[in-house]
């Protein structure tokens, strides 16, 4: 049986988790625009996405 040292194998992601989250937000916002929701629910969801986007942007600075 052979063993491998985990230090010998390093992998890097081509996309950061922040980039993935921002892409996810864009997709969700597009879906929200195409889905029929009551106005109060739509405003609630938009506030959520806005707050999440601001948090992601502040973390990147």
Foldseek 3Di string as FASTA:
>chain_A
DDDDDVVVDDDDDPDDPLRVVVVVLVVVVVVLVVDDDPPVVSVVVVVVSVVVVVVSVVVVD
